[in-house]
Amino acid sequence: MSNLTLHAVIVKKPKTLQEAKEIGKHFIPNKTYFRETLGSYRFRNHPKNQFEKGSFRTKKINNDVSLVFGKHKDGKDAIIEGGGLWDNLKNKIGDFLLKYNPLSLAIKHSIENAKRK
């Protein structure tokens, strides 16, 4: 699987456009191009025609976010911030889940409230 490249980030609605852009930038920080569909916002890392036909795979991160990977025709692997795809991806997903997971947010708010008292 190390020969797969991040093609797109899909953020489901009812997330707002602003929330979706924030999530998209988390995984693809240097690009802001997106396409809106009836049910989602799709942030593209590379055009679909740069991938081998039939090579796309989707990884669901949570109920709102999915990442789409494919086999890049040029064999690119180091797409997320210039490092090894899987190492960076593990860090990006971990950071994302900590930042956007409702349980993590509840724990964070509880800690912040405890500090104020």
PDB file of N, CA and C in Angstrom:
ATOM      1  N   MET A   1       0.810  -1.203   0.000  1.00  0.00           N
ATOM      2  CA  MET A   1       0.000   0.000   0.000  1.00  0.00           C
ATOM      3  C   MET A   1       0.849   1.261   0.000  1.00  0.00           C
ATOM      4  N   SER A   2       2.140   1.134   0.160  1.00  0.00           N
ATOM      5  CA  SER A   2       2.981   2.322   0.231  1.00  0.00           C
ATOM      6  C   SER A   2       3.077   3.048  -1.106  1.00  0.00           C
ATOM      7  N   ASN A   3       2.532   2.469  -2.180  1.00  0.00           N
ATOM      8  CA  ASN A   3       2.577   3.152  -3.466  1.00  0.00           C
ATOM      9  C   ASN A   3       1.313   3.951  -3.744  1.00  0.00           C
ATOM     10  N   LEU A   4       0.510   4.210  -2.734  1.00  0.00           N
ATOM     11  CA  LEU A   4      -0.700   5.009  -2.904  1.00  0.00           C
ATOM     12  C   LEU A   4      -0.441   6.456  -2.516  1.00  0.00           C
ATOM     13  N   THR A   5      -1.155   7.345  -3.181  1.00  0.00           N
ATOM     14  CA  THR A   5      -1.024   8.780  -2.974  1.00  0.00           C
ATOM     15  C   THR A   5      -2.378   9.351  -2.569  1.00  0.00           C
ATOM     16  N   LEU A   6      -2.371  10.333  -1.700  1.00  0.00           N
ATOM     17  CA  LEU A   6      -3.611  10.995  -1.306  1.00  0.00           C
ATOM     18  C   LEU A   6      -4.171  11.764  -2.500  1.00  0.00           C
ATOM     19  N   HIS A   7      -5.376  11.409  -2.901  1.00  0.00           N
ATOM     20  CA  HIS A   7      -6.045  12.089  -4.015  1.00  0.00           C
ATOM     21  C   HIS A   7      -6.973  13.193  -3.511  1.00  0.00           C
ATOM     22  N   ALA A   8      -7.791  12.876  -2.494  1.00  0.00           N
ATOM     23  CA  ALA A   8      -8.791  13.855  -2.063  1.00  0.00           C
ATOM     24  C   ALA A   8      -9.212  13.624  -0.619  1.00  0.00           C
ATOM     25  N   VAL A   9      -9.753  14.676  -0.038  1.00  0.00           N
ATOM     26  CA  VAL A   9     -10.367  14.633   1.285  1.00  0.00           C
ATOM     27  C   VAL A   9     -11.843  14.948   1.076  1.00  0.00           C
ATOM     28  N   ILE A  10     -12.710  14.089   1.607  1.00  0.00           N
ATOM     29  CA  ILE A  10     -14.152  14.298   1.482  1.00  0.00           C
ATOM     30  C   ILE A  10     -14.710  14.621   2.859  1.00  0.00           C
ATOM     31  N   VAL A  11     -15.396  15.754   2.957  1.00  0.00           N
ATOM     32  CA  VAL A  11     -16.031  16.180   4.207  1.00  0.00           C
ATOM     33  C   VAL A  11     -17.529  16.215   3.958  1.00  0.00           C
ATOM     34  N   LYS A  12     -18.258  15.394   4.715  1.00  0.00           N
ATOM     35  CA  LYS A  12     -19.711  15.305   4.528  1.00  0.00           C
ATOM     36  C   LYS A  12     -20.419  16.518   5.122  1.00  0.00           C
ATOM     37  N   LYS A  13     -21.524  16.847   4.483  1.00  0.00           N
ATOM     38  CA  LYS A  13     -22.419  17.859   5.043  1.00  0.00           C
ATOM     39  C   LYS A  13     -23.227  17.185   6.131  1.00  0.00           C
ATOM     40  N   PRO A  14     -23.682  17.842   7.141  1.00  0.00           N
ATOM     41  CA  PRO A  14     -24.006  19.256   7.226  1.00  0.00           C
ATOM     42  C   PRO A  14     -22.869  20.132   7.742  1.00  0.00           C
ATOM     43  N   LYS A  15     -21.620  19.682   7.691  1.00  0.00           N
ATOM     44  CA  LYS A  15     -20.518  20.579   8.049  1.00  0.00           C
ATOM     45  C   LYS A  15     -20.631  21.826   7.187  1.00  0.00           C
ATOM     46  N   THR A  16     -20.306  22.975   7.767  1.00  0.00           N
ATOM     47  CA  THR A  16     -20.332  24.218   6.993  1.00  0.00           C
ATOM     48  C   THR A  16     -19.117  24.254   6.083  1.00  0.00           C
ATOM     49  N   LEU A  17     -19.153  25.133   5.119  1.00  0.00           N
ATOM     50  CA  LEU A  17     -18.017  25.281   4.212  1.00  0.00           C
ATOM     51  C   LEU A  17     -16.762  25.654   4.992  1.00  0.00           C
ATOM     52  N   GLN A  18     -16.890  26.540   5.958  1.00  0.00           N
ATOM     53  CA  GLN A  18     -15.725  26.961   6.739  1.00  0.00           C
ATOM     54  C   GLN A  18     -15.141  25.789   7.526  1.00  0.00           C
ATOM     55  N   GLU A  19     -15.998  24.995   8.161  1.00  0.00           N
ATOM     56  CA  GLU A  19     -15.522  23.807   8.891  1.00  0.00           C
ATOM     57  C   GLU A  19     -14.852  22.826   7.944  1.00  0.00           C
ATOM     58  N   ALA A  20     -15.461  22.638   6.769  1.00  0.00           N
ATOM     59  CA  ALA A  20     -14.909  21.718   5.784  1.00  0.00           C
ATOM     60  C   ALA A  20     -13.536  22.192   5.296  1.00  0.00           C
ATOM     61  N   LYS A  21     -13.394  23.486   5.060  1.00  0.00           N
ATOM     62  CA  LYS A  21     -12.103  24.028   4.616  1.00  0.00           C
ATOM     63  C   LYS A  21     -11.022  23.805   5.675  1.00  0.00           C
ATOM     64  N   GLU A  22     -11.377  23.995   6.923  1.00  0.00           N
ATOM     65  CA  GLU A  22     -10.431  23.778   8.012  1.00  0.00           C
ATOM     66  C   GLU A  22      -9.966  22.320   8.045  1.00  0.00           C
ATOM     67  N   ILE A  23     -10.897  21.402   7.876  1.00  0.00           N
ATOM     68  CA  ILE A  23     -10.570  19.981   7.859  1.00  0.00           C
ATOM     69  C   ILE A  23      -9.732  19.651   6.625  1.00  0.00           C
ATOM     70  N   GLY A  24     -10.121  20.172   5.466  1.00  0.00           N
ATOM     71  CA  GLY A  24      -9.364  19.934   4.246  1.00  0.00           C
ATOM     72  C   GLY A  24      -7.930  20.412   4.353  1.00  0.00           C
ATOM     73  N   LYS A  25      -7.745  21.603   4.927  1.00  0.00           N
ATOM     74  CA  LYS A  25      -6.396  22.154   5.101  1.00  0.00           C
ATOM     75  C   LYS A  25      -5.562  21.335   6.086  1.00  0.00           C
ATOM     76  N   HIS A  26      -6.229  20.626   6.986  1.00  0.00           N
ATOM     77  CA  HIS A  26      -5.506  19.784   7.929  1.00  0.00           C
ATOM     78  C   HIS A  26      -4.726  18.699   7.183  1.00  0.00           C
ATOM     79  N   PHE A  27      -5.315  18.139   6.138  1.00  0.00           N
ATOM     80  CA  PHE A  27      -4.686  17.058   5.383  1.00  0.00           C
ATOM     81  C   PHE A  27      -3.936  17.539   4.150  1.00  0.00           C
ATOM     82  N   ILE A  28      -4.403  18.624   3.541  1.00  0.00           N
ATOM     83  CA  ILE A  28      -3.770  19.172   2.341  1.00  0.00           C
ATOM     84  C   ILE A  28      -3.549  20.669   2.584  1.00  0.00           C
ATOM     85  N   PRO A  29      -2.514  21.028   3.323  1.00  0.00           N
ATOM     86  CA  PRO A  29      -2.367  22.414   3.783  1.00  0.00           C
ATOM     87  C   PRO A  29      -2.110  23.450   2.691  1.00  0.00           C
ATOM     88  N   ASN A  30      -1.533  23.079   1.571  1.00  0.00           N
ATOM     89  CA  ASN A  30      -1.150  24.077   0.580  1.00  0.00           C
ATOM     90  C   ASN A  30      -2.142  24.250  -0.555  1.00  0.00           C
ATOM     91  N   LYS A  31      -3.280  23.566  -0.482  1.00  0.00           N
ATOM     92  CA  LYS A  31      -4.254  23.659  -1.567  1.00  0.00           C
ATOM     93  C   LYS A  31      -5.634  23.948  -0.999  1.00  0.00           C
ATOM     94  N   THR A  32      -6.366  24.806  -1.692  1.00  0.00           N
ATOM     95  CA  THR A  32      -7.693  25.159  -1.203  1.00  0.00           C
ATOM     96  C   THR A  32      -8.786  24.820  -2.207  1.00  0.00           C
ATOM     97  N   TYR A  33      -8.438  24.207  -3.348  1.00  0.00           N
ATOM     98  CA  TYR A  33      -9.449  23.880  -4.347  1.00  0.00           C
ATOM     99  C   TYR A  33     -10.415  22.845  -3.796  1.00  0.00           C
ATOM    100  N   PHE A  34     -11.709  23.095  -3.977  1.00  0.00           N
ATOM    101  CA  PHE A  34     -12.709  22.116  -3.549  1.00  0.00           C
ATOM    102  C   PHE A  34     -13.865  22.119  -4.537  1.00  0.00           C
ATOM    103  N   ARG A  35     -14.612  21.034  -4.474  1.00  0.00           N
ATOM    104  CA  ARG A  35     -15.817  20.899  -5.288  1.00  0.00           C
ATOM    105  C   ARG A  35     -16.944  20.521  -4.340  1.00  0.00           C
ATOM    106  N   GLU A  36     -18.066  21.202  -4.492  1.00  0.00           N
ATOM    107  CA  GLU A  36     -19.221  20.919  -3.636  1.00  0.00           C
ATOM    108  C   GLU A  36     -20.174  19.991  -4.373  1.00  0.00           C
ATOM    109  N   THR A  37     -20.626  18.948  -3.682  1.00  0.00           N
ATOM    110  CA  THR A  37     -21.651  18.060  -4.213  1.00  0.00           C
ATOM    111  C   THR A  37     -22.882  18.208  -3.330  1.00  0.00           C
ATOM    112  N   LEU A  38     -23.921  17.458  -3.620  1.00  0.00           N
ATOM    113  CA  LEU A  38     -25.139  17.551  -2.806  1.00  0.00           C
ATOM    114  C   LEU A  38     -24.884  17.180  -1.349  1.00  0.00           C
ATOM    115  N   GLY A  39     -23.990  16.227  -1.105  1.00  0.00           N
ATOM    116  CA  GLY A  39     -23.802  15.746   0.256  1.00  0.00           C
ATOM    117  C   GLY A  39     -22.446  15.979   0.865  1.00  0.00           C
ATOM    118  N   SER A  40     -21.507  16.644   0.122  1.00  0.00           N
ATOM    119  CA  SER A  40     -20.162  16.781   0.678  1.00  0.00           C
ATOM    120  C   SER A  40     -19.372  17.896  -0.005  1.00  0.00           C
ATOM    121  N   TYR A  41     -18.200  18.153   0.589  1.00  0.00           N
ATOM    122  CA  TYR A  41     -17.179  19.008  -0.001  1.00  0.00           C
ATOM    123  C   TYR A  41     -15.993  18.098  -0.287  1.00  0.00           C
ATOM    124  N   ARG A  42     -15.419  18.200  -1.483  1.00  0.00           N
ATOM    125  CA  ARG A  42     -14.292  17.354  -1.876  1.00  0.00           C
ATOM    126  C   ARG A  42     -13.085  18.242  -2.134  1.00  0.00           C
ATOM    127  N   PHE A  43     -12.029  18.049  -1.365  1.00  0.00           N
ATOM    128  CA  PHE A  43     -10.789  18.800  -1.507  1.00  0.00           C
ATOM    129  C   PHE A  43      -9.793  17.917  -2.249  1.00  0.00           C
ATOM    130  N   ARG A  44      -9.340  18.376  -3.392  1.00  0.00           N
ATOM    131  CA  ARG A  44      -8.505  17.557  -4.251  1.00  0.00           C
ATOM    132  C   ARG A  44      -7.032  17.897  -4.078  1.00  0.00           C
ATOM    133  N   ASN A  45      -6.219  16.862  -3.910  1.00  0.00           N
ATOM    134  CA  ASN A  45      -4.779  17.014  -3.813  1.00  0.00           C
ATOM    135  C   ASN A  45      -4.147  16.963  -5.199  1.00  0.00           C
ATOM    136  N   HIS A  46      -4.585  16.029  -6.027  1.00  0.00           N
ATOM    137  CA  HIS A  46      -4.118  15.873  -7.405  1.00  0.00           C
ATOM    138  C   HIS A  46      -5.307  15.535  -8.289  1.00  0.00           C
ATOM    139  N   PRO A  47      -5.278  15.954  -9.558  1.00  0.00           N
ATOM    140  CA  PRO A  47      -6.380  15.639 -10.465  1.00  0.00           C
ATOM    141  C   PRO A  47      -6.542  14.126 -10.664  1.00  0.00           C
ATOM    142  N   LYS A  48      -7.758  13.722 -10.890  1.00  0.00           N
ATOM    143  CA  LYS A  48      -8.085  12.300 -11.056  1.00  0.00           C
ATOM    144  C   LYS A  48      -7.325  11.667 -12.220  1.00  0.00           C
ATOM    145  N   ASN A  49      -7.065  12.444 -13.279  1.00  0.00           N
ATOM    146  CA  ASN A  49      -6.393  11.887 -14.453  1.00  0.00           C
ATOM    147  C   ASN A  49      -4.911  11.592 -14.227  1.00  0.00           C
ATOM    148  N   GLN A  50      -4.371  11.961 -13.065  1.00  0.00           N
ATOM    149  CA  GLN A  50      -2.978  11.644 -12.749  1.00  0.00           C
ATOM    150  C   GLN A  50      -2.844  10.290 -12.053  1.00  0.00           C
ATOM    151  N   PHE A  51      -3.970   9.573 -11.900  1.00  0.00           N
ATOM    152  CA  PHE A  51      -3.969   8.290 -11.201  1.00  0.00           C
ATOM    153  C   PHE A  51      -4.327   7.165 -12.158  1.00  0.00           C
ATOM    154  N   GLU A  52      -3.845   5.980 -11.826  1.00  0.00           N
ATOM    155  CA  GLU A  52      -4.184   4.811 -12.622  1.00  0.00           C
ATOM    156  C   GLU A  52      -5.665   4.496 -12.431  1.00  0.00           C
ATOM    157  N   LYS A  53      -6.316   4.186 -13.526  1.00  0.00           N
ATOM    158  CA  LYS A  53      -7.744   3.895 -13.505  1.00  0.00           C
ATOM    159  C   LYS A  53      -8.012   2.676 -12.617  1.00  0.00           C
ATOM    160  N   GLY A  54      -9.045   2.771 -11.772  1.00  0.00           N
ATOM    161  CA  GLY A  54      -9.440   1.661 -10.912  1.00  0.00           C
ATOM    162  C   GLY A  54      -8.585   1.459  -9.672  1.00  0.00           C
ATOM    163  N   SER A  55      -7.668   2.385  -9.396  1.00  0.00           N
ATOM    164  CA  SER A  55      -6.772   2.200  -8.241  1.00  0.00           C
ATOM    165  C   SER A  55      -7.234   2.933  -6.987  1.00  0.00           C
ATOM    166  N   PHE A  56      -8.350   3.635  -7.037  1.00  0.00           N
ATOM    167  CA  PHE A  56      -8.786   4.446  -5.897  1.00  0.00           C
ATOM    168  C   PHE A  56      -9.319   3.595  -4.751  1.00  0.00           C
ATOM    169  N   ARG A  57      -8.943   3.980  -3.539  1.00  0.00           N
ATOM    170  CA  ARG A  57      -9.415   3.353  -2.305  1.00  0.00           C
ATOM    171  C   ARG A  57      -9.775   4.463  -1.332  1.00  0.00           C
ATOM    172  N   THR A  58     -10.859   4.276  -0.589  1.00  0.00           N
ATOM    173  CA  THR A  58     -11.312   5.277   0.376  1.00  0.00           C
ATOM    174  C   THR A  58     -11.127   4.759   1.786  1.00  0.00           C
ATOM    175  N   LYS A  59     -10.581   5.603   2.655  1.00  0.00           N
ATOM    176  CA  LYS A  59     -10.405   5.284   4.071  1.00  0.00           C
ATOM    177  C   LYS A  59     -11.268   6.246   4.873  1.00  0.00           C
ATOM    178  N   LYS A  60     -12.277   5.695   5.550  1.00  0.00           N
ATOM    179  CA  LYS A  60     -13.171   6.504   6.381  1.00  0.00           C
ATOM    180  C   LYS A  60     -12.454   6.800   7.704  1.00  0.00           C
ATOM    181  N   ILE A  61     -12.309   8.083   8.030  1.00  0.00           N
ATOM    182  CA  ILE A  61     -11.635   8.506   9.258  1.00  0.00           C
ATOM    183  C   ILE A  61     -12.633   8.581  10.404  1.00  0.00           C
ATOM    184  N   ASN A  62     -13.775   9.171  10.138  1.00  0.00           N
ATOM    185  CA  ASN A  62     -14.898   9.204  11.091  1.00  0.00           C
ATOM    186  C   ASN A  62     -16.172   9.363  10.275  1.00  0.00           C
ATOM    187  N   ASN A  63     -17.285   9.644  10.909  1.00  0.00           N
ATOM    188  CA  ASN A  63     -18.554   9.746  10.177  1.00  0.00           C
ATOM    189  C   ASN A  63     -18.597  10.928   9.211  1.00  0.00           C
ATOM    190  N   ASP A  64     -17.707  11.899   9.392  1.00  0.00           N
ATOM    191  CA  ASP A  64     -17.735  13.109   8.572  1.00  0.00           C
ATOM    192  C   ASP A  64     -16.631  13.193   7.521  1.00  0.00           C
ATOM    193  N   VAL A  65     -15.536  12.460   7.709  1.00  0.00           N
ATOM    194  CA  VAL A  65     -14.351  12.647   6.870  1.00  0.00           C
ATOM    195  C   VAL A  65     -13.852  11.322   6.307  1.00  0.00           C
ATOM    196  N   SER A  66     -13.552  11.342   5.011  1.00  0.00           N
ATOM    197  CA  SER A  66     -12.935  10.194   4.342  1.00  0.00           C
ATOM    198  C   SER A  66     -11.766  10.690   3.505  1.00  0.00           C
ATOM    199  N   LEU A  67     -10.745   9.847   3.377  1.00  0.00           N
ATOM    200  CA  LEU A  67      -9.584  10.152   2.543  1.00  0.00           C
ATOM    201  C   LEU A  67      -9.594   9.193   1.361  1.00  0.00           C
ATOM    202  N   VAL A  68      -9.338   9.724   0.173  1.00  0.00           N
ATOM    203  CA  VAL A  68      -9.322   8.906  -1.039  1.00  0.00           C
ATOM    204  C   VAL A  68      -7.878   8.809  -1.533  1.00  0.00           C
ATOM    205  N   PHE A  69      -7.425   7.575  -1.727  1.00  0.00           N
ATOM    206  CA  PHE A  69      -6.072   7.311  -2.199  1.00  0.00           C
ATOM    207  C   PHE A  69      -6.131   6.621  -3.547  1.00  0.00           C
ATOM    208  N   GLY A  70      -5.061   6.719  -4.303  1.00  0.00           N
ATOM    209  CA  GLY A  70      -4.958   6.020  -5.565  1.00  0.00           C
ATOM    210  C   GLY A  70      -3.504   5.817  -5.917  1.00  0.00           C
ATOM    211  N   LYS A  71      -3.283   5.005  -6.927  1.00  0.00           N
ATOM    212  CA  LYS A  71      -1.923   4.769  -7.401  1.00  0.00           C
ATOM    213  C   LYS A  71      -1.598   5.849  -8.432  1.00  0.00           C
ATOM    214  N   HIS A  72      -0.668   6.721  -8.077  1.00  0.00           N
ATOM    215  CA  HIS A  72      -0.298   7.846  -8.923  1.00  0.00           C
ATOM    216  C   HIS A  72       0.511   7.338 -10.110  1.00  0.00           C
ATOM    217  N   LYS A  73       0.230   7.854 -11.293  1.00  0.00           N
ATOM    218  CA  LYS A  73       0.926   7.406 -12.505  1.00  0.00           C
ATOM    219  C   LYS A  73       2.434   7.642 -12.426  1.00  0.00           C
ATOM    220  N   ASP A  74       2.842   8.701 -11.732  1.00  0.00           N
ATOM    221  CA  ASP A  74       4.274   9.011 -11.604  1.00  0.00           C
ATOM    222  C   ASP A  74       4.904   8.342 -10.397  1.00  0.00           C
ATOM    223  N   GLY A  75       4.132   7.531  -9.664  1.00  0.00           N
ATOM    224  CA  GLY A  75       4.668   6.820  -8.506  1.00  0.00           C
ATOM    225  C   GLY A  75       4.928   7.695  -7.301  1.00  0.00           C
ATOM    226  N   LYS A  76       4.292   8.842  -7.229  1.00  0.00           N
ATOM    227  CA  LYS A  76       4.507   9.735  -6.091  1.00  0.00           C
ATOM    228  C   LYS A  76       3.997   9.081  -4.813  1.00  0.00           C
ATOM    229  N   ASP A  77       4.720   9.288  -3.720  1.00  0.00           N
ATOM    230  CA  ASP A  77       4.323   8.736  -2.431  1.00  0.00           C
ATOM    231  C   ASP A  77       4.383   9.808  -1.358  1.00  0.00           C
ATOM    232  N   ALA A  78       5.342  10.693  -1.438  1.00  0.00           N
ATOM    233  CA  ALA A  78       5.567  11.690  -0.399  1.00  0.00           C
ATOM    234  C   ALA A  78       4.745  12.939  -0.685  1.00  0.00           C
ATOM    235  N   ILE A  79       3.444  12.843  -0.517  1.00  0.00           N
ATOM    236  CA  ILE A  79       2.550  13.917  -0.916  1.00  0.00           C
ATOM    237  C   ILE A  79       2.148  14.823   0.242  1.00  0.00           C
ATOM    238  N   ILE A  80       2.017  14.264   1.437  1.00  0.00           N
ATOM    239  CA  ILE A  80       1.565  15.080   2.560  1.00  0.00           C
ATOM    240  C   ILE A  80       2.772  15.760   3.198  1.00  0.00           C
ATOM    241  N   GLU A  81       2.920  17.054   2.968  1.00  0.00           N
ATOM    242  CA  GLU A  81       3.994  17.879   3.510  1.00  0.00           C
ATOM    243  C   GLU A  81       5.373  17.294   3.264  1.00  0.00           C
ATOM    244  N   GLY A  82       5.568  16.658   2.120  1.00  0.00           N
ATOM    245  CA  GLY A  82       6.901  16.269   1.683  1.00  0.00           C
ATOM    246  C   GLY A  82       7.550  15.095   2.387  1.00  0.00           C
ATOM    247  N   GLY A  83       6.866  14.399   3.273  1.00  0.00           N
ATOM    248  CA  GLY A  83       7.474  13.263   3.954  1.00  0.00           C
ATOM    249  C   GLY A  83       6.910  11.959   3.446  1.00  0.00           C
ATOM    250  N   GLY A  84       7.248  10.861   4.099  1.00  0.00           N
ATOM    251  CA  GLY A  84       6.682   9.569   3.733  1.00  0.00           C
ATOM    252  C   GLY A  84       5.185   9.582   3.984  1.00  0.00           C
ATOM    253  N   LEU A  85       4.425   9.131   3.042  1.00  0.00           N
ATOM    254  CA  LEU A  85       2.974   9.223   3.112  1.00  0.00           C
ATOM    255  C   LEU A  85       2.417   8.612   4.384  1.00  0.00           C
ATOM    256  N   TRP A  86       2.762   7.384   4.693  1.00  0.00           N
ATOM    257  CA  TRP A  86       2.117   6.697   5.813  1.00  0.00           C
ATOM    258  C   TRP A  86       2.517   7.271   7.159  1.00  0.00           C
ATOM    259  N   ASP A  87       3.792   7.670   7.321  1.00  0.00           N
ATOM    260  CA  ASP A  87       4.191   8.293   8.584  1.00  0.00           C
ATOM    261  C   ASP A  87       3.452   9.599   8.803  1.00  0.00           C
ATOM    262  N   ASN A  88       3.405  10.421   7.770  1.00  0.00           N
ATOM    263  CA  ASN A  88       2.690  11.693   7.885  1.00  0.00           C
ATOM    264  C   ASN A  88       1.201  11.479   8.057  1.00  0.00           C
ATOM    265  N   LEU A  89       0.666  10.500   7.360  1.00  0.00           N
ATOM    266  CA  LEU A  89      -0.765  10.243   7.437  1.00  0.00           C
ATOM    267  C   LEU A  89      -1.173   9.810   8.839  1.00  0.00           C
ATOM    268  N   LYS A  90      -0.378   8.928   9.471  1.00  0.00           N
ATOM    269  CA  LYS A  90      -0.683   8.521  10.848  1.00  0.00           C
ATOM    270  C   LYS A  90      -0.713   9.731  11.764  1.00  0.00           C
ATOM    271  N   ASN A  91       0.255  10.619  11.614  1.00  0.00           N
ATOM    272  CA  ASN A  91       0.297  11.819  12.451  1.00  0.00           C
ATOM    273  C   ASN A  91      -0.880  12.738  12.150  1.00  0.00           C
ATOM    274  N   LYS A  92      -1.197  12.931  10.872  1.00  0.00           N
ATOM    275  CA  LYS A  92      -2.309  13.803  10.498  1.00  0.00           C
ATOM    276  C   LYS A  92      -3.639  13.260  11.025  1.00  0.00           C
ATOM    277  N   ILE A  93      -3.855  11.954  10.877  1.00  0.00           N
ATOM    278  CA  ILE A  93      -5.106  11.360  11.357  1.00  0.00           C
ATOM    279  C   ILE A  93      -5.182  11.451  12.873  1.00  0.00           C
ATOM    280  N   GLY A  94      -4.077  11.144  13.549  1.00  0.00           N
ATOM    281  CA  GLY A  94      -4.062  11.238  15.011  1.00  0.00           C
ATOM    282  C   GLY A  94      -4.373  12.646  15.482  1.00  0.00           C
ATOM    283  N   ASP A  95      -3.725  13.634  14.885  1.00  0.00           N
ATOM    284  CA  ASP A  95      -3.986  15.032  15.237  1.00  0.00           C
ATOM    285  C   ASP A  95      -5.434  15.411  14.944  1.00  0.00           C
ATOM    286  N   PHE A  96      -5.924  14.955  13.799  1.00  0.00           N
ATOM    287  CA  PHE A  96      -7.304  15.257  13.417  1.00  0.00           C
ATOM    288  C   PHE A  96      -8.287  14.683  14.427  1.00  0.00           C
ATOM    289  N   LEU A  97      -8.097  13.410  14.778  1.00  0.00           N
ATOM    290  CA  LEU A  97      -9.024  12.773  15.715  1.00  0.00           C
ATOM    291  C   LEU A  97      -8.981  13.435  17.086  1.00  0.00           C
ATOM    292  N   LEU A  98      -7.797  13.835  17.517  1.00  0.00           N
ATOM    293  CA  LEU A  98      -7.706  14.544  18.795  1.00  0.00           C
ATOM    294  C   LEU A  98      -8.406  15.894  18.733  1.00  0.00           C
ATOM    295  N   LYS A  99      -8.283  16.557  17.596  1.00  0.00           N
ATOM    296  CA  LYS A  99      -8.846  17.894  17.469  1.00  0.00           C
ATOM    297  C   LYS A  99     -10.365  17.875  17.279  1.00  0.00           C
ATOM    298  N   TYR A 100     -10.883  16.911  16.513  1.00  0.00           N
ATOM    299  CA  TYR A 100     -12.288  16.943  16.131  1.00  0.00           C
ATOM    300  C   TYR A 100     -13.151  15.863  16.770  1.00  0.00           C
ATOM    301  N   ASN A 101     -12.584  14.946  17.503  1.00  0.00           N
ATOM    302  CA  ASN A 101     -13.346  13.880  18.146  1.00  0.00           C
ATOM    303  C   ASN A 101     -14.162  14.474  19.290  1.00  0.00           C
ATOM    304  N   PRO A 102     -15.468  14.260  19.328  1.00  0.00           N
ATOM    305  CA  PRO A 102     -16.305  14.841  20.392  1.00  0.00           C
ATOM    306  C   PRO A 102     -15.846  14.450  21.794  1.00  0.00           C
ATOM    307  N   LEU A 103     -15.382  13.212  21.981  1.00  0.00           N
ATOM    308  CA  LEU A 103     -14.900  12.793  23.293  1.00  0.00           C
ATOM    309  C   LEU A 103     -13.657  13.579  23.680  1.00  0.00           C
ATOM    310  N   SER A 104     -12.736  13.754  22.729  1.00  0.00           N
ATOM    311  CA  SER A 104     -11.536  14.545  22.999  1.00  0.00           C
ATOM    312  C   SER A 104     -11.887  15.980  23.339  1.00  0.00           C
ATOM    313  N   LEU A 105     -12.852  16.531  22.601  1.00  0.00           N
ATOM    314  CA  LEU A 105     -13.273  17.902  22.879  1.00  0.00           C
ATOM    315  C   LEU A 105     -13.883  18.012  24.268  1.00  0.00           C
ATOM    316  N   ALA A 106     -14.687  17.021  24.674  1.00  0.00           N
ATOM    317  CA  ALA A 106     -15.298  17.041  26.002  1.00  0.00           C
ATOM    318  C   ALA A 106     -14.230  16.974  27.081  1.00  0.00           C
ATOM    319  N   ILE A 107     -13.238  16.133  26.883  1.00  0.00           N
ATOM    320  CA  ILE A 107     -12.135  16.024  27.858  1.00  0.00           C
ATOM    321  C   ILE A 107     -11.363  17.334  27.913  1.00  0.00           C
ATOM    322  N   LYS A 108     -11.074  17.908  26.751  1.00  0.00           N
ATOM    323  CA  LYS A 108     -10.344  19.171  26.689  1.00  0.00           C
ATOM    324  C   LYS A 108     -11.109  20.278  27.424  1.00  0.00           C
ATOM    325  N   HIS A 109     -12.415  20.378  27.181  1.00  0.00           N
ATOM    326  CA  HIS A 109     -13.223  21.410  27.846  1.00  0.00           C
ATOM    327  C   HIS A 109     -13.294  21.171  29.349  1.00  0.00           C
ATOM    328  N   SER A 110     -13.363  19.907  29.772  1.00  0.00           N
ATOM    329  CA  SER A 110     -13.387  19.590  31.206  1.00  0.00           C
ATOM    330  C   SER A 110     -12.094  20.021  31.872  1.00  0.00           C
ATOM    331  N   ILE A 111     -10.978  19.774  31.199  1.00  0.00           N
ATOM    332  CA  ILE A 111      -9.673  20.170  31.742  1.00  0.00           C
ATOM    333  C   ILE A 111      -9.588  21.690  31.819  1.00  0.00           C
ATOM    334  N   GLU A 112     -10.034  22.367  30.765  1.00  0.00           N
ATOM    335  CA  GLU A 112      -9.997  23.835  30.766  1.00  0.00           C
ATOM    336  C   GLU A 112     -10.877  24.399  31.875  1.00  0.00           C
ATOM    337  N   ASN A 113     -12.061  23.825  32.079  1.00  0.00           N
ATOM    338  CA  ASN A 113     -12.954  24.283  33.146  1.00  0.00           C
ATOM    339  C   ASN A 113     -12.347  24.033  34.516  1.00  0.00           C
ATOM    340  N   ALA A 114     -11.690  22.904  34.692  1.00  0.00           N
ATOM    341  CA  ALA A 114     -11.056  22.581  35.981  1.00  0.00           C
ATOM    342  C   ALA A 114      -9.921  23.566  36.288  1.00  0.00           C
ATOM    343  N   LYS A 115      -9.198  23.970  35.252  1.00  0.00           N
ATOM    344  CA  LYS A 115      -8.095  24.917  35.432  1.00  0.00           C
ATOM    345  C   LYS A 115      -8.603  26.292  35.865  1.00  0.00           C
ATOM    346  N   ARG A 116      -9.792  26.655  35.376  1.00  0.00           N
ATOM    347  CA  ARG A 116     -10.355  27.972  35.718  1.00  0.00           C
ATOM    348  C   ARG A 116     -10.818  28.054  37.155  1.00  0.00           C
ATOM    349  N   LYS A 117     -11.172  26.920  37.746  1.00  0.00           N
ATOM    350  CA  LYS A 117     -11.727  26.919  39.106  1.00  0.00           C
ATOM    351  C   LYS A 117     -10.663  26.992  40.147  1.00  0.00           C
TER     352      LYS A 117
END
